[in-house]
Amino acid sequence: MPNYDDHEKVCRRVAELLASERERQDTSMTKLAEAAGLAQSAMSYFEGHHRTPNLKTLLRIADALQVDLGKLIQRAINDVRGGGR
């Protein structure tokens, strides 16, 4: 039986990892939003955990950052289920 609480935690962790990568690359939310074709306010909502981005949006953000979304998702799963982080 899936643990839906874990699903939400994984989604939040993916958003955290994307935000960390954005900061590591020294890119502003505005620049990333523009590169991903999103509103800056949407980026702010995602990073502030006010909204959870859908898969299409996650792919756009990951592509703009040039990171592998699959690897980020796997890391988030490991963090949540393995107690990492």
PDB file of N, CA and C in Angstrom:
ATOM      1  N   MET A   1       0.842  -1.175   0.000  1.00  0.00           N
ATOM      2  CA  MET A   1       0.000   0.000   0.000  1.00  0.00           C
ATOM      3  C   MET A   1       0.895   1.250   0.000  1.00  0.00           C
ATOM      4  N   PRO A   2       0.676   2.183  -0.946  1.00  0.00           N
ATOM      5  CA  PRO A   2       1.510   3.380  -0.984  1.00  0.00           C
ATOM      6  C   PRO A   2       1.296   4.267   0.236  1.00  0.00           C
ATOM      7  N   ASN A   3       2.334   4.913   0.630  1.00  0.00           N
ATOM      8  CA  ASN A   3       2.267   5.854   1.739  1.00  0.00           C
ATOM      9  C   ASN A   3       2.187   7.255   1.130  1.00  0.00           C
ATOM     10  N   TYR A   4       0.977   7.817   1.088  1.00  0.00           N
ATOM     11  CA  TYR A   4       0.773   9.106   0.435  1.00  0.00           C
ATOM     12  C   TYR A   4       1.462  10.243   1.164  1.00  0.00           C
ATOM     13  N   ASP A   5       1.690  10.101   2.445  1.00  0.00           N
ATOM     14  CA  ASP A   5       2.443  11.099   3.176  1.00  0.00           C
ATOM     15  C   ASP A   5       3.878  11.158   2.640  1.00  0.00           C
ATOM     16  N   ASP A   6       4.451   9.985   2.350  1.00  0.00           N
ATOM     17  CA  ASP A   6       5.790   9.930   1.751  1.00  0.00           C
ATOM     18  C   ASP A   6       5.801  10.610   0.386  1.00  0.00           C
ATOM     19  N   HIS A   7       4.752  10.431  -0.383  1.00  0.00           N
ATOM     20  CA  HIS A   7       4.697  11.051  -1.709  1.00  0.00           C
ATOM     21  C   HIS A   7       4.814  12.571  -1.592  1.00  0.00           C
ATOM     22  N   GLU A   8       4.089  13.137  -0.666  1.00  0.00           N
ATOM     23  CA  GLU A   8       4.141  14.586  -0.467  1.00  0.00           C
ATOM     24  C   GLU A   8       5.535  15.008  -0.005  1.00  0.00           C
ATOM     25  N   LYS A   9       6.127  14.230   0.878  1.00  0.00           N
ATOM     26  CA  LYS A   9       7.476  14.545   1.355  1.00  0.00           C
ATOM     27  C   LYS A   9       8.494  14.472   0.218  1.00  0.00           C
ATOM     28  N   VAL A  10       8.347  13.484  -0.656  1.00  0.00           N
ATOM     29  CA  VAL A  10       9.254  13.356  -1.797  1.00  0.00           C
ATOM     30  C   VAL A  10       9.105  14.567  -2.716  1.00  0.00           C
ATOM     31  N   CYS A  11       7.882  14.973  -2.981  1.00  0.00           N
ATOM     32  CA  CYS A  11       7.646  16.146  -3.833  1.00  0.00           C
ATOM     33  C   CYS A  11       8.292  17.393  -3.238  1.00  0.00           C
ATOM     34  N   ARG A  12       8.124  17.569  -1.950  1.00  0.00           N
ATOM     35  CA  ARG A  12       8.738  18.731  -1.280  1.00  0.00           C
ATOM     36  C   ARG A  12      10.254  18.647  -1.333  1.00  0.00           C
ATOM     37  N   ARG A  13      10.779  17.455  -1.149  1.00  0.00           N
ATOM     38  CA  ARG A  13      12.238  17.287  -1.174  1.00  0.00           C
ATOM     39  C   ARG A  13      12.792  17.583  -2.567  1.00  0.00           C
ATOM     40  N   VAL A  14      12.088  17.160  -3.613  1.00  0.00           N
ATOM     41  CA  VAL A  14      12.526  17.470  -4.975  1.00  0.00           C
ATOM     42  C   VAL A  14      12.575  18.982  -5.165  1.00  0.00           C
ATOM     43  N   ALA A  15      11.549  19.679  -4.703  1.00  0.00           N
ATOM     44  CA  ALA A  15      11.530  21.140  -4.804  1.00  0.00           C
ATOM     45  C   ALA A  15      12.707  21.753  -4.042  1.00  0.00           C
ATOM     46  N   GLU A  16      13.023  21.204  -2.867  1.00  0.00           N
ATOM     47  CA  GLU A  16      14.165  21.691  -2.081  1.00  0.00           C
ATOM     48  C   GLU A  16      15.472  21.470  -2.832  1.00  0.00           C
ATOM     49  N   LEU A  17      15.611  20.299  -3.442  1.00  0.00           N
ATOM     50  CA  LEU A  17      16.833  19.990  -4.182  1.00  0.00           C
ATOM     51  C   LEU A  17      16.988  20.911  -5.396  1.00  0.00           C
ATOM     52  N   LEU A  18      15.886  21.192  -6.080  1.00  0.00           N
ATOM     53  CA  LEU A  18      15.946  22.113  -7.210  1.00  0.00           C
ATOM     54  C   LEU A  18      16.321  23.521  -6.743  1.00  0.00           C
ATOM     55  N   ALA A  19      15.759  23.948  -5.608  1.00  0.00           N
ATOM     56  CA  ALA A  19      16.100  25.266  -5.067  1.00  0.00           C
ATOM     57  C   ALA A  19      17.580  25.318  -4.682  1.00  0.00           C
ATOM     58  N   SER A  20      18.076  24.249  -4.088  1.00  0.00           N
ATOM     59  CA  SER A  20      19.494  24.198  -3.714  1.00  0.00           C
ATOM     60  C   SER A  20      20.383  24.270  -4.944  1.00  0.00           C
ATOM     61  N   GLU A  21      19.977  23.579  -5.992  1.00  0.00           N
ATOM     62  CA  GLU A  21      20.758  23.604  -7.232  1.00  0.00           C
ATOM     63  C   GLU A  21      20.729  25.002  -7.854  1.00  0.00           C
ATOM     64  N   ARG A  22      19.580  25.651  -7.809  1.00  0.00           N
ATOM     65  CA  ARG A  22      19.476  27.020  -8.330  1.00  0.00           C
ATOM     66  C   ARG A  22      20.441  27.926  -7.576  1.00  0.00           C
ATOM     67  N   GLU A  23      20.471  27.801  -6.257  1.00  0.00           N
ATOM     68  CA  GLU A  23      21.370  28.614  -5.436  1.00  0.00           C
ATOM     69  C   GLU A  23      22.828  28.257  -5.705  1.00  0.00           C
ATOM     70  N   ARG A  24      23.105  26.969  -5.863  1.00  0.00           N
ATOM     71  CA  ARG A  24      24.479  26.532  -6.145  1.00  0.00           C
ATOM     72  C   ARG A  24      24.975  27.142  -7.454  1.00  0.00           C
ATOM     73  N   GLN A  25      24.069  27.252  -8.417  1.00  0.00           N
ATOM     74  CA  GLN A  25      24.428  27.832  -9.714  1.00  0.00           C
ATOM     75  C   GLN A  25      24.383  29.363  -9.693  1.00  0.00           C
ATOM     76  N   ASP A  26      24.036  29.916  -8.539  1.00  0.00           N
ATOM     77  CA  ASP A  26      23.967  31.365  -8.358  1.00  0.00           C
ATOM     78  C   ASP A  26      23.027  32.008  -9.385  1.00  0.00           C
ATOM     79  N   THR A  27      21.855  31.386  -9.526  1.00  0.00           N
ATOM     80  CA  THR A  27      20.832  31.869 -10.445  1.00  0.00           C
ATOM     81  C   THR A  27      19.650  32.383  -9.630  1.00  0.00           C
ATOM     82  N   SER A  28      19.132  33.517 -10.002  1.00  0.00           N
ATOM     83  CA  SER A  28      17.986  34.073  -9.293  1.00  0.00           C
ATOM     84  C   SER A  28      16.714  33.317  -9.690  1.00  0.00           C
ATOM     85  N   MET A  29      15.701  33.424  -8.840  1.00  0.00           N
ATOM     86  CA  MET A  29      14.403  32.830  -9.159  1.00  0.00           C
ATOM     87  C   MET A  29      13.855  33.428 -10.454  1.00  0.00           C
ATOM     88  N   THR A  30      14.068  34.709 -10.630  1.00  0.00           N
ATOM     89  CA  THR A  30      13.571  35.391 -11.825  1.00  0.00           C
ATOM     90  C   THR A  30      14.217  34.829 -13.083  1.00  0.00           C
ATOM     91  N   LYS A  31      15.537  34.661 -13.061  1.00  0.00           N
ATOM     92  CA  LYS A  31      16.241  34.121 -14.231  1.00  0.00           C
ATOM     93  C   LYS A  31      15.832  32.675 -14.499  1.00  0.00           C
ATOM     94  N   LEU A  32      15.698  31.890 -13.446  1.00  0.00           N
ATOM     95  CA  LEU A  32      15.298  30.498 -13.632  1.00  0.00           C
ATOM     96  C   LEU A  32      13.871  30.418 -14.163  1.00  0.00           C
ATOM     97  N   ALA A  33      12.987  31.208 -13.605  1.00  0.00           N
ATOM     98  CA  ALA A  33      11.601  31.215 -14.074  1.00  0.00           C
ATOM     99  C   ALA A  33      11.549  31.558 -15.558  1.00  0.00           C
ATOM    100  N   GLU A  34      12.304  32.565 -15.951  1.00  0.00           N
ATOM    101  CA  GLU A  34      12.339  32.975 -17.359  1.00  0.00           C
ATOM    102  C   GLU A  34      12.861  31.840 -18.238  1.00  0.00           C
ATOM    103  N   ALA A  35      13.942  31.196 -17.812  1.00  0.00           N
ATOM    104  CA  ALA A  35      14.531  30.106 -18.586  1.00  0.00           C
ATOM    105  C   ALA A  35      13.586  28.909 -18.702  1.00  0.00           C
ATOM    106  N   ALA A  36      12.767  28.705 -17.661  1.00  0.00           N
ATOM    107  CA  ALA A  36      11.834  27.573 -17.651  1.00  0.00           C
ATOM    108  C   ALA A  36      10.472  27.938 -18.242  1.00  0.00           C
ATOM    109  N   GLY A  37      10.286  29.202 -18.587  1.00  0.00           N
ATOM    110  CA  GLY A  37       9.014  29.633 -19.139  1.00  0.00           C
ATOM    111  C   GLY A  37       7.904  29.712 -18.103  1.00  0.00           C
ATOM    112  N   LEU A  38       8.270  30.085 -16.886  1.00  0.00           N
ATOM    113  CA  LEU A  38       7.322  30.171 -15.779  1.00  0.00           C
ATOM    114  C   LEU A  38       7.301  31.588 -15.221  1.00  0.00           C
ATOM    115  N   ALA A  39       6.265  31.896 -14.488  1.00  0.00           N
ATOM    116  CA  ALA A  39       6.210  33.174 -13.774  1.00  0.00           C
ATOM    117  C   ALA A  39       7.117  33.095 -12.551  1.00  0.00           C
ATOM    118  N   GLN A  40       7.745  34.198 -12.196  1.00  0.00           N
ATOM    119  CA  GLN A  40       8.609  34.224 -11.017  1.00  0.00           C
ATOM    120  C   GLN A  40       7.805  33.893  -9.778  1.00  0.00           C
ATOM    121  N   SER A  41       6.551  34.330  -9.743  1.00  0.00           N
ATOM    122  CA  SER A  41       5.713  34.032  -8.578  1.00  0.00           C
ATOM    123  C   SER A  41       5.505  32.526  -8.423  1.00  0.00           C
ATOM    124  N   ALA A  42       5.432  31.801  -9.533  1.00  0.00           N
ATOM    125  CA  ALA A  42       5.288  30.340  -9.466  1.00  0.00           C
ATOM    126  C   ALA A  42       6.521  29.719  -8.824  1.00  0.00           C
ATOM    127  N   MET A  43       7.701  30.192  -9.211  1.00  0.00           N
ATOM    128  CA  MET A  43       8.935  29.677  -8.611  1.00  0.00           C
ATOM    129  C   MET A  43       8.934  29.931  -7.111  1.00  0.00           C
ATOM    130  N   SER A  44       8.502  31.099  -6.716  1.00  0.00           N
ATOM    131  CA  SER A  44       8.449  31.450  -5.303  1.00  0.00           C
ATOM    132  C   SER A  44       7.490  30.531  -4.545  1.00  0.00           C
ATOM    133  N   TYR A  45       6.344  30.253  -5.138  1.00  0.00           N
ATOM    134  CA  TYR A  45       5.379  29.342  -4.508  1.00  0.00           C
ATOM    135  C   TYR A  45       5.980  27.942  -4.336  1.00  0.00           C
ATOM    136  N   PHE A  46       6.695  27.454  -5.361  1.00  0.00           N
ATOM    137  CA  PHE A  46       7.271  26.112  -5.290  1.00  0.00           C
ATOM    138  C   PHE A  46       8.358  26.041  -4.222  1.00  0.00           C
ATOM    139  N   GLU A  47       9.239  27.029  -4.233  1.00  0.00           N
ATOM    140  CA  GLU A  47      10.336  27.011  -3.267  1.00  0.00           C
ATOM    141  C   GLU A  47       9.846  27.262  -1.846  1.00  0.00           C
ATOM    142  N   GLY A  48       8.736  27.956  -1.702  1.00  0.00           N
ATOM    143  CA  GLY A  48       8.174  28.219  -0.382  1.00  0.00           C
ATOM    144  C   GLY A  48       7.221  27.138   0.092  1.00  0.00           C
ATOM    145  N   HIS A  49       7.083  26.074  -0.688  1.00  0.00           N
ATOM    146  CA  HIS A  49       6.210  24.934  -0.372  1.00  0.00           C
ATOM    147  C   HIS A  49       4.737  25.324  -0.276  1.00  0.00           C
ATOM    148  N   HIS A  50       4.346  26.359  -1.009  1.00  0.00           N
ATOM    149  CA  HIS A  50       2.942  26.751  -1.034  1.00  0.00           C
ATOM    150  C   HIS A  50       2.183  26.002  -2.120  1.00  0.00           C
ATOM    151  N   ARG A  51       2.929  25.519  -3.104  1.00  0.00           N
ATOM    152  CA  ARG A  51       2.353  24.719  -4.188  1.00  0.00           C
ATOM    153  C   ARG A  51       3.355  23.637  -4.564  1.00  0.00           C
ATOM    154  N   THR A  52       2.824  22.546  -5.069  1.00  0.00           N
ATOM    155  CA  THR A  52       3.674  21.463  -5.552  1.00  0.00           C
ATOM    156  C   THR A  52       3.629  21.469  -7.077  1.00  0.00           C
ATOM    157  N   PRO A  53       4.792  21.623  -7.718  1.00  0.00           N
ATOM    158  CA  PRO A  53       4.796  21.641  -9.176  1.00  0.00           C
ATOM    159  C   PRO A  53       4.432  20.274  -9.752  1.00  0.00           C
ATOM    160  N   ASN A  54       3.765  20.279 -10.906  1.00  0.00           N
ATOM    161  CA  ASN A  54       3.463  19.018 -11.572  1.00  0.00           C
ATOM    162  C   ASN A  54       4.699  18.537 -12.333  1.00  0.00           C
ATOM    163  N   LEU A  55       4.615  17.355 -12.914  1.00  0.00           N
ATOM    164  CA  LEU A  55       5.766  16.757 -13.580  1.00  0.00           C
ATOM    165  C   LEU A  55       6.272  17.615 -14.731  1.00  0.00           C
ATOM    166  N   LYS A  56       5.371  18.157 -15.521  1.00  0.00           N
ATOM    167  CA  LYS A  56       5.776  18.995 -16.654  1.00  0.00           C
ATOM    168  C   LYS A  56       6.581  20.200 -16.155  1.00  0.00           C
ATOM    169  N   THR A  57       6.129  20.814 -15.092  1.00  0.00           N
ATOM    170  CA  THR A  57       6.820  21.968 -14.533  1.00  0.00           C
ATOM    171  C   THR A  57       8.172  21.572 -13.956  1.00  0.00           C
ATOM    172  N   LEU A  58       8.216  20.440 -13.261  1.00  0.00           N
ATOM    173  CA  LEU A  58       9.496  19.956 -12.724  1.00  0.00           C
ATOM    174  C   LEU A  58      10.498  19.715 -13.844  1.00  0.00           C
ATOM    175  N   LEU A  59      10.026  19.136 -14.942  1.00  0.00           N
ATOM    176  CA  LEU A  59      10.914  18.889 -16.086  1.00  0.00           C
ATOM    177  C   LEU A  59      11.440  20.193 -16.669  1.00  0.00           C
ATOM    178  N   ARG A  60      10.578  21.183 -16.763  1.00  0.00           N
ATOM    179  CA  ARG A  60      11.002  22.486 -17.293  1.00  0.00           C
ATOM    180  C   ARG A  60      12.049  23.129 -16.394  1.00  0.00           C
ATOM    181  N   ILE A  61      11.850  23.046 -15.088  1.00  0.00           N
ATOM    182  CA  ILE A  61      12.816  23.628 -14.145  1.00  0.00           C
ATOM    183  C   ILE A  61      14.134  22.859 -14.208  1.00  0.00           C
ATOM    184  N   ALA A  62      14.061  21.535 -14.194  1.00  0.00           N
ATOM    185  CA  ALA A  62      15.278  20.713 -14.254  1.00  0.00           C
ATOM    186  C   ALA A  62      16.038  20.961 -15.556  1.00  0.00           C
ATOM    187  N   ASP A  63      15.318  21.058 -16.664  1.00  0.00           N
ATOM    188  CA  ASP A  63      15.980  21.342 -17.940  1.00  0.00           C
ATOM    189  C   ASP A  63      16.664  22.707 -17.923  1.00  0.00           C
ATOM    190  N   ALA A  64      15.990  23.702 -17.345  1.00  0.00           N
ATOM    191  CA  ALA A  64      16.575  25.041 -17.271  1.00  0.00           C
ATOM    192  C   ALA A  64      17.842  25.038 -16.417  1.00  0.00           C
ATOM    193  N   LEU A  65      17.876  24.177 -15.400  1.00  0.00           N
ATOM    194  CA  LEU A  65      19.060  24.056 -14.537  1.00  0.00           C
ATOM    195  C   LEU A  65      20.080  23.066 -15.082  1.00  0.00           C
ATOM    196  N   GLN A  66      19.680  22.344 -16.121  1.00  0.00           N
ATOM    197  CA  GLN A  66      20.518  21.306 -16.728  1.00  0.00           C
ATOM    198  C   GLN A  66      20.906  20.224 -15.717  1.00  0.00           C
ATOM    199  N   VAL A  67      19.880  19.750 -14.995  1.00  0.00           N
ATOM    200  CA  VAL A  67      20.072  18.655 -14.054  1.00  0.00           C
ATOM    201  C   VAL A  67      19.151  17.503 -14.435  1.00  0.00           C
ATOM    202  N   ASP A  68      19.502  16.319 -14.013  1.00  0.00           N
ATOM    203  CA  ASP A  68      18.735  15.110 -14.300  1.00  0.00           C
ATOM    204  C   ASP A  68      17.625  14.973 -13.256  1.00  0.00           C
ATOM    205  N   LEU A  69      16.388  15.191 -13.681  1.00  0.00           N
ATOM    206  CA  LEU A  69      15.261  15.123 -12.760  1.00  0.00           C
ATOM    207  C   LEU A  69      15.126  13.734 -12.150  1.00  0.00           C
ATOM    208  N   GLY A  70      15.369  12.704 -12.930  1.00  0.00           N
ATOM    209  CA  GLY A  70      15.276  11.337 -12.410  1.00  0.00           C
ATOM    210  C   GLY A  70      16.200  11.102 -11.228  1.00  0.00           C
ATOM    211  N   LYS A  71      17.422  11.612 -11.340  1.00  0.00           N
ATOM    212  CA  LYS A  71      18.379  11.469 -10.239  1.00  0.00           C
ATOM    213  C   LYS A  71      17.930  12.258  -9.012  1.00  0.00           C
ATOM    214  N   LEU A  72      17.359  13.444  -9.237  1.00  0.00           N
ATOM    215  CA  LEU A  72      16.866  14.235  -8.104  1.00  0.00           C
ATOM    216  C   LEU A  72      15.706  13.534  -7.413  1.00  0.00           C
ATOM    217  N   ILE A  73      14.824  12.953  -8.210  1.00  0.00           N
ATOM    218  CA  ILE A  73      13.684  12.225  -7.627  1.00  0.00           C
ATOM    219  C   ILE A  73      14.185  11.035  -6.821  1.00  0.00           C
ATOM    220  N   GLN A  74      15.138  10.293  -7.364  1.00  0.00           N
ATOM    221  CA  GLN A  74      15.669   9.142  -6.635  1.00  0.00           C
ATOM    222  C   GLN A  74      16.345   9.578  -5.344  1.00  0.00           C
ATOM    223  N   ARG A  75      17.084  10.678  -5.400  1.00  0.00           N
ATOM    224  CA  ARG A  75      17.729  11.185  -4.181  1.00  0.00           C
ATOM    225  C   ARG A  75      16.674  11.586  -3.153  1.00  0.00           C
ATOM    226  N   ALA A  76      15.606  12.229  -3.606  1.00  0.00           N
ATOM    227  CA  ALA A  76      14.530  12.642  -2.696  1.00  0.00           C
ATOM    228  C   ALA A  76      13.872  11.429  -2.048  1.00  0.00           C
ATOM    229  N   ILE A  77      13.627  10.387  -2.839  1.00  0.00           N
ATOM    230  CA  ILE A  77      13.037   9.153  -2.304  1.00  0.00           C
ATOM    231  C   ILE A  77      13.960   8.557  -1.240  1.00  0.00           C
ATOM    232  N   ASN A  78      15.235   8.489  -1.559  1.00  0.00           N
ATOM    233  CA  ASN A  78      16.194   7.939  -0.595  1.00  0.00           C
ATOM    234  C   ASN A  78      16.243   8.780   0.680  1.00  0.00           C
ATOM    235  N   ASP A  79      16.204  10.101   0.523  1.00  0.00           N
ATOM    236  CA  ASP A  79      16.224  10.982   1.687  1.00  0.00           C
ATOM    237  C   ASP A  79      15.002  10.761   2.573  1.00  0.00           C
ATOM    238  N   VAL A  80      13.832  10.670   1.944  1.00  0.00           N
ATOM    239  CA  VAL A  80      12.591  10.540   2.704  1.00  0.00           C
ATOM    240  C   VAL A  80      12.458   9.160   3.316  1.00  0.00           C
ATOM    241  N   ARG A  81      12.682   8.137   2.557  1.00  0.00           N
ATOM    242  CA  ARG A  81      12.484   6.772   3.039  1.00  0.00           C
ATOM    243  C   ARG A  81      13.657   6.270   3.853  1.00  0.00           C
ATOM    244  N   GLY A  82      14.827   6.809   3.593  1.00  0.00           N
ATOM    245  CA  GLY A  82      16.005   6.352   4.316  1.00  0.00           C
ATOM    246  C   GLY A  82      16.335   7.225   5.503  1.00  0.00           C
ATOM    247  N   GLY A  83      15.523   8.249   5.693  1.00  0.00           N
ATOM    248  CA  GLY A  83      15.763   9.126   6.832  1.00  0.00           C
ATOM    249  C   GLY A  83      16.897  10.088   6.622  1.00  0.00           C
ATOM    250  N   GLY A  84      17.415  10.167   5.364  1.00  0.00           N
ATOM    251  CA  GLY A  84      18.488  11.091   5.081  1.00  0.00           C
ATOM    252  C   GLY A  84      17.984  12.521   5.134  1.00  0.00           C
ATOM    253  N   ARG A  85      18.942  13.448   5.059  1.00  0.00           N
ATOM    254  CA  ARG A  85      18.597  14.867   5.017  1.00  0.00           C
ATOM    255  C   ARG A  85      18.676  15.495   6.344  1.00  0.00           C
TER     256      ARG A  85
END
